[in-house]
Amino acid sequence: MGARITTLGVLLLTVLLLAACGSNQSATQKEMNAKFDKIDYLMASMETMNSGFGPQLSNATDQYIALVRRYSDVLGADEAKQRLVEKGDQVSDYCLACAATLYDAAKKYD
């Protein structure tokens, strides 16, 4: 009877640890997605305004790159590169220097 309780205890502990790992990853992904949504919205609002937002768009570009680097282990190299290239494509009409910075950052994930 004691061995059964020990076995059940170990199994319960394993299930709880696995569940905690899964929910932690989900929380990390939710946090990451919220941060990307926020910076995407900020950059999109600068793109639709007049060209006076050049310095702010440049700063937002740097923040975007830093965010990709921070979450590169969650994203993986392919997704990180894809996000940087897509963002470069989006800002290229408004800030060529920003697009070049994003493309250069994407090269690091080859």
N, C-alpha and C. Protein backbone atom coordinates (compact mmCIF):
# COMPACT_ATOMS: atom_id res chain seq x y z
N MET A 1 0.83 -1.20 0.00
CA MET A 1 0.00 0.00 0.00
C MET A 1 0.86 1.25 0.00
N GLY A 2 1.98 1.23 0.74
CA GLY A 2 2.87 2.37 0.81
C GLY A 2 3.53 2.66 -0.53
N ALA A 3 3.86 1.61 -1.27
CA ALA A 3 4.50 1.79 -2.57
C ALA A 3 3.52 2.42 -3.56
N ARG A 4 2.25 2.05 -3.45
CA ARG A 4 1.23 2.62 -4.33
C ARG A 4 1.07 4.11 -4.07
N ILE A 5 1.05 4.49 -2.83
CA ILE A 5 0.90 5.91 -2.48
C ILE A 5 2.11 6.70 -2.96
N THR A 6 3.29 6.13 -2.80
CA THR A 6 4.50 6.79 -3.27
C THR A 6 4.46 6.96 -4.79
N THR A 7 4.04 5.90 -5.49
CA THR A 7 3.96 5.96 -6.94
C THR A 7 2.94 7.00 -7.37
N LEU A 8 1.79 7.02 -6.73
CA LEU A 8 0.76 8.00 -7.06
C LEU A 8 1.25 9.42 -6.77
N GLY A 9 1.99 9.58 -5.68
CA GLY A 9 2.54 10.88 -5.33
C GLY A 9 3.52 11.37 -6.38
N VAL A 10 4.38 10.47 -6.83
CA VAL A 10 5.36 10.84 -7.86
C VAL A 10 4.66 11.19 -9.16
N LEU A 11 3.65 10.41 -9.54
CA LEU A 11 2.90 10.70 -10.76
C LEU A 11 2.17 12.04 -10.67
N LEU A 12 1.57 12.31 -9.52
CA LEU A 12 0.87 13.57 -9.33
C LEU A 12 1.83 14.74 -9.42
N LEU A 13 2.98 14.60 -8.79
CA LEU A 13 4.00 15.65 -8.85
C LEU A 13 4.47 15.88 -10.28
N THR A 14 4.66 14.82 -11.02
CA THR A 14 5.08 14.94 -12.43
C THR A 14 4.04 15.67 -13.25
N VAL A 15 2.77 15.31 -13.07
CA VAL A 15 1.69 15.96 -13.81
C VAL A 15 1.63 17.44 -13.46
N LEU A 16 1.76 17.78 -12.21
CA LEU A 16 1.72 19.17 -11.79
C LEU A 16 2.88 19.97 -12.38
N LEU A 17 4.06 19.38 -12.38
CA LEU A 17 5.21 20.07 -12.95
C LEU A 17 5.06 20.28 -14.45
N LEU A 18 4.56 19.27 -15.14
CA LEU A 18 4.34 19.41 -16.58
C LEU A 18 3.27 20.46 -16.88
N ALA A 19 2.24 20.48 -16.09
CA ALA A 19 1.18 21.48 -16.28
C ALA A 19 1.72 22.88 -16.02
N ALA A 20 2.56 23.02 -15.02
CA ALA A 20 3.15 24.33 -14.71
C ALA A 20 4.05 24.80 -15.84
N CYS A 21 4.81 23.91 -16.42
CA CYS A 21 5.68 24.27 -17.54
C CYS A 21 4.86 24.72 -18.74
N GLY A 22 3.80 24.03 -19.03
CA GLY A 22 2.95 24.39 -20.16
C GLY A 22 2.27 25.73 -19.96
N SER A 23 1.79 26.01 -18.76
CA SER A 23 1.12 27.28 -18.51
C SER A 23 2.12 28.42 -18.48
N ASN A 24 3.35 28.15 -18.05
CA ASN A 24 4.39 29.18 -18.04
C ASN A 24 4.73 29.58 -19.46
N GLN A 25 4.87 28.63 -20.35
CA GLN A 25 5.17 28.92 -21.75
C GLN A 25 4.03 29.73 -22.35
N SER A 26 2.82 29.38 -22.03
CA SER A 26 1.67 30.10 -22.54
C SER A 26 1.66 31.53 -22.03
N ALA A 27 2.00 31.73 -20.77
CA ALA A 27 2.06 33.07 -20.20
C ALA A 27 3.16 33.89 -20.88
N THR A 28 4.29 33.25 -21.16
CA THR A 28 5.38 33.94 -21.85
C THR A 28 4.95 34.35 -23.24
N GLN A 29 4.27 33.47 -23.94
CA GLN A 29 3.80 33.78 -25.28
C GLN A 29 2.76 34.90 -25.26
N LYS A 30 1.87 34.89 -24.27
CA LYS A 30 0.87 35.95 -24.15
C LYS A 30 1.55 37.28 -23.89
N GLU A 31 2.53 37.28 -23.01
CA GLU A 31 3.27 38.51 -22.70
C GLU A 31 4.00 39.01 -23.95
N MET A 32 4.65 38.10 -24.65
CA MET A 32 5.38 38.45 -25.87
C MET A 32 4.42 39.04 -26.91
N ASN A 33 3.31 38.37 -27.15
CA ASN A 33 2.34 38.84 -28.14
C ASN A 33 1.78 40.21 -27.79
N ALA A 34 1.53 40.45 -26.51
CA ALA A 34 1.03 41.75 -26.08
C ALA A 34 2.06 42.84 -26.35
N LYS A 35 3.32 42.55 -26.11
CA LYS A 35 4.37 43.54 -26.36
C LYS A 35 4.53 43.80 -27.85
N PHE A 36 4.46 42.76 -28.67
CA PHE A 36 4.54 42.95 -30.12
C PHE A 36 3.33 43.73 -30.63
N ASP A 37 2.15 43.44 -30.11
CA ASP A 37 0.95 44.18 -30.52
C ASP A 37 1.10 45.66 -30.20
N LYS A 38 1.63 45.95 -29.03
CA LYS A 38 1.80 47.35 -28.60
C LYS A 38 2.78 48.09 -29.51
N ILE A 39 3.93 47.51 -29.79
CA ILE A 39 4.92 48.18 -30.63
C ILE A 39 4.45 48.24 -32.08
N ASP A 40 3.74 47.21 -32.55
CA ASP A 40 3.18 47.24 -33.91
C ASP A 40 2.18 48.39 -34.06
N TYR A 41 1.33 48.56 -33.06
CA TYR A 41 0.34 49.64 -33.09
C TYR A 41 1.04 51.00 -33.09
N LEU A 42 2.05 51.14 -32.24
CA LEU A 42 2.80 52.39 -32.15
C LEU A 42 3.45 52.73 -33.49
N MET A 43 4.11 51.74 -34.08
CA MET A 43 4.79 51.98 -35.36
C MET A 43 3.78 52.25 -36.48
N ALA A 44 2.68 51.56 -36.49
CA ALA A 44 1.66 51.78 -37.52
C ALA A 44 1.09 53.19 -37.42
N SER A 45 0.90 53.69 -36.21
CA SER A 45 0.38 55.05 -36.06
C SER A 45 1.39 56.08 -36.55
N MET A 46 2.67 55.81 -36.40
CA MET A 46 3.69 56.72 -36.90
C MET A 46 3.77 56.67 -38.43
N GLU A 47 3.53 55.52 -39.00
CA GLU A 47 3.60 55.36 -40.45
C GLU A 47 2.48 56.12 -41.14
N THR A 48 1.33 56.22 -40.51
CA THR A 48 0.19 56.88 -41.14
C THR A 48 0.20 58.39 -40.94
N MET A 49 1.04 58.88 -40.05
CA MET A 49 1.15 60.32 -39.81
C MET A 49 2.14 60.92 -40.80
N ASN A 50 2.39 62.20 -40.63
CA ASN A 50 3.33 62.85 -41.54
C ASN A 50 4.76 62.42 -41.23
N SER A 51 5.68 62.88 -42.04
CA SER A 51 7.06 62.42 -41.94
C SER A 51 7.80 62.99 -40.73
N GLY A 52 7.16 63.78 -39.92
CA GLY A 52 7.80 64.35 -38.74
C GLY A 52 8.10 63.32 -37.65
N PHE A 53 7.70 62.09 -37.85
CA PHE A 53 7.90 61.05 -36.86
C PHE A 53 9.16 60.24 -37.11
N GLY A 54 10.07 60.72 -37.96
CA GLY A 54 11.29 59.99 -38.30
C GLY A 54 12.09 59.53 -37.09
N PRO A 55 12.45 60.45 -36.19
CA PRO A 55 13.24 60.02 -35.01
C PRO A 55 12.48 59.04 -34.11
N GLN A 56 11.18 59.27 -33.94
CA GLN A 56 10.40 58.35 -33.11
C GLN A 56 10.28 56.98 -33.77
N LEU A 57 10.14 56.96 -35.08
CA LEU A 57 10.05 55.69 -35.79
C LEU A 57 11.38 54.95 -35.71
N SER A 58 12.46 55.69 -35.76
CA SER A 58 13.78 55.08 -35.60
C SER A 58 13.94 54.47 -34.20
N ASN A 59 13.48 55.19 -33.19
CA ASN A 59 13.53 54.65 -31.82
C ASN A 59 12.64 53.42 -31.68
N ALA A 60 11.46 53.47 -32.28
CA ALA A 60 10.54 52.33 -32.23
C ALA A 60 11.13 51.12 -32.96
N THR A 61 11.88 51.40 -34.03
CA THR A 61 12.55 50.32 -34.77
C THR A 61 13.56 49.63 -33.86
N ASP A 62 14.33 50.42 -33.14
CA ASP A 62 15.31 49.85 -32.20
C ASP A 62 14.62 49.04 -31.12
N GLN A 63 13.48 49.53 -30.64
CA GLN A 63 12.72 48.79 -29.62
C GLN A 63 12.18 47.48 -30.19
N TYR A 64 11.75 47.51 -31.43
CA TYR A 64 11.22 46.30 -32.08
C TYR A 64 12.32 45.25 -32.20
N ILE A 65 13.50 45.68 -32.63
CA ILE A 65 14.63 44.76 -32.76
C ILE A 65 15.00 44.17 -31.41
N ALA A 66 15.01 45.01 -30.38
CA ALA A 66 15.33 44.54 -29.03
C ALA A 66 14.28 43.52 -28.56
N LEU A 67 13.03 43.74 -28.91
CA LEU A 67 11.97 42.81 -28.53
C LEU A 67 12.14 41.47 -29.23
N VAL A 68 12.50 41.50 -30.50
CA VAL A 68 12.74 40.26 -31.24
C VAL A 68 13.91 39.51 -30.61
N ARG A 69 14.97 40.23 -30.28
CA ARG A 69 16.13 39.58 -29.65
C ARG A 69 15.76 38.98 -28.30
N ARG A 70 14.95 39.71 -27.55
CA ARG A 70 14.56 39.22 -26.22
C ARG A 70 13.77 37.91 -26.30
N TYR A 71 12.93 37.82 -27.30
CA TYR A 71 12.07 36.63 -27.43
C TYR A 71 12.52 35.69 -28.54
N SER A 72 13.75 35.81 -29.00
CA SER A 72 14.21 34.97 -30.09
C SER A 72 14.19 33.48 -29.74
N ASP A 73 14.38 33.16 -28.46
CA ASP A 73 14.32 31.74 -28.07
C ASP A 73 12.90 31.21 -28.15
N VAL A 74 11.91 32.05 -27.94
CA VAL A 74 10.51 31.64 -28.05
C VAL A 74 10.09 31.61 -29.52
N LEU A 75 10.54 32.60 -30.27
CA LEU A 75 10.17 32.70 -31.68
C LEU A 75 10.86 31.67 -32.56
N GLY A 76 12.13 31.44 -32.28
CA GLY A 76 12.96 30.63 -33.16
C GLY A 76 13.57 31.54 -34.23
N ALA A 77 14.66 31.11 -34.83
CA ALA A 77 15.41 31.93 -35.77
C ALA A 77 14.58 32.30 -37.00
N ASP A 78 13.84 31.35 -37.55
CA ASP A 78 13.06 31.62 -38.77
C ASP A 78 11.98 32.68 -38.52
N GLU A 79 11.26 32.53 -37.41
CA GLU A 79 10.18 33.48 -37.09
C GLU A 79 10.76 34.86 -36.76
N ALA A 80 11.88 34.90 -36.04
CA ALA A 80 12.52 36.17 -35.71
C ALA A 80 12.92 36.90 -37.00
N LYS A 81 13.55 36.18 -37.90
CA LYS A 81 13.97 36.78 -39.18
C LYS A 81 12.76 37.25 -39.97
N GLN A 82 11.74 36.44 -40.02
CA GLN A 82 10.53 36.79 -40.78
C GLN A 82 9.89 38.07 -40.23
N ARG A 83 9.79 38.17 -38.91
CA ARG A 83 9.19 39.37 -38.31
C ARG A 83 10.00 40.63 -38.65
N LEU A 84 11.32 40.52 -38.58
CA LEU A 84 12.17 41.67 -38.86
C LEU A 84 12.07 42.09 -40.32
N VAL A 85 12.06 41.13 -41.23
CA VAL A 85 11.95 41.44 -42.65
C VAL A 85 10.58 42.05 -42.96
N GLU A 86 9.52 41.48 -42.41
CA GLU A 86 8.18 42.01 -42.65
C GLU A 86 8.05 43.43 -42.12
N LYS A 87 8.60 43.68 -40.94
CA LYS A 87 8.54 45.02 -40.38
C LYS A 87 9.36 45.98 -41.23
N GLY A 88 10.50 45.53 -41.75
CA GLY A 88 11.29 46.35 -42.67
C GLY A 88 10.50 46.71 -43.92
N ASP A 89 9.78 45.74 -44.45
CA ASP A 89 8.95 45.98 -45.63
C ASP A 89 7.86 47.02 -45.32
N GLN A 90 7.30 46.95 -44.11
CA GLN A 90 6.23 47.87 -43.73
C GLN A 90 6.73 49.31 -43.58
N VAL A 91 7.91 49.49 -43.04
CA VAL A 91 8.39 50.85 -42.77
C VAL A 91 9.21 51.43 -43.91
N SER A 92 9.52 50.65 -44.92
CA SER A 92 10.42 51.10 -45.99
C SER A 92 9.91 52.34 -46.72
N ASP A 93 8.60 52.52 -46.84
CA ASP A 93 8.06 53.70 -47.51
C ASP A 93 8.18 54.96 -46.65
N TYR A 94 8.38 54.80 -45.35
CA TYR A 94 8.38 55.92 -44.43
C TYR A 94 9.75 56.24 -43.87
N CYS A 95 10.61 55.22 -43.80
CA CYS A 95 11.93 55.42 -43.19
C CYS A 95 12.89 54.37 -43.75
N LEU A 96 13.64 54.77 -44.77
CA LEU A 96 14.56 53.83 -45.39
C LEU A 96 15.64 53.37 -44.42
N ALA A 97 16.11 54.27 -43.56
CA ALA A 97 17.13 53.89 -42.58
C ALA A 97 16.58 52.86 -41.60
N CYS A 98 15.33 53.02 -41.22
CA CYS A 98 14.70 52.05 -40.30
C CYS A 98 14.61 50.68 -40.96
N ALA A 99 14.20 50.67 -42.23
CA ALA A 99 14.09 49.41 -42.96
C ALA A 99 15.45 48.74 -43.07
N ALA A 100 16.49 49.52 -43.36
CA ALA A 100 17.84 48.96 -43.47
C ALA A 100 18.30 48.37 -42.14
N THR A 101 17.97 49.06 -41.05
CA THR A 101 18.33 48.56 -39.72
C THR A 101 17.63 47.24 -39.43
N LEU A 102 16.37 47.14 -39.79
CA LEU A 102 15.61 45.90 -39.58
C LEU A 102 16.16 44.77 -40.45
N TYR A 103 16.50 45.06 -41.70
CA TYR A 103 17.05 44.04 -42.59
C TYR A 103 18.41 43.55 -42.09
N ASP A 104 19.21 44.49 -41.58
CA ASP A 104 20.52 44.10 -41.03
C ASP A 104 20.35 43.20 -39.81
N ALA A 105 19.38 43.54 -38.97
CA ALA A 105 19.11 42.72 -37.79
C ALA A 105 18.63 41.33 -38.20
N ALA A 106 17.87 41.25 -39.28
CA ALA A 106 17.36 39.95 -39.76
C ALA A 106 18.46 39.05 -40.24
N LYS A 107 19.53 39.62 -40.78
CA LYS A 107 20.65 38.83 -41.30
C LYS A 107 21.32 38.00 -40.20
N LYS A 108 21.19 38.43 -38.97
CA LYS A 108 21.80 37.72 -37.84
C LYS A 108 21.12 36.38 -37.57
N TYR A 109 19.95 36.18 -38.18
CA TYR A 109 19.21 34.94 -37.95
C TYR A 109 19.32 33.98 -39.14
N ASP A 110 20.27 34.22 -40.03
CA ASP A 110 20.50 33.30 -41.15
C ASP A 110 21.11 32.01 -40.70
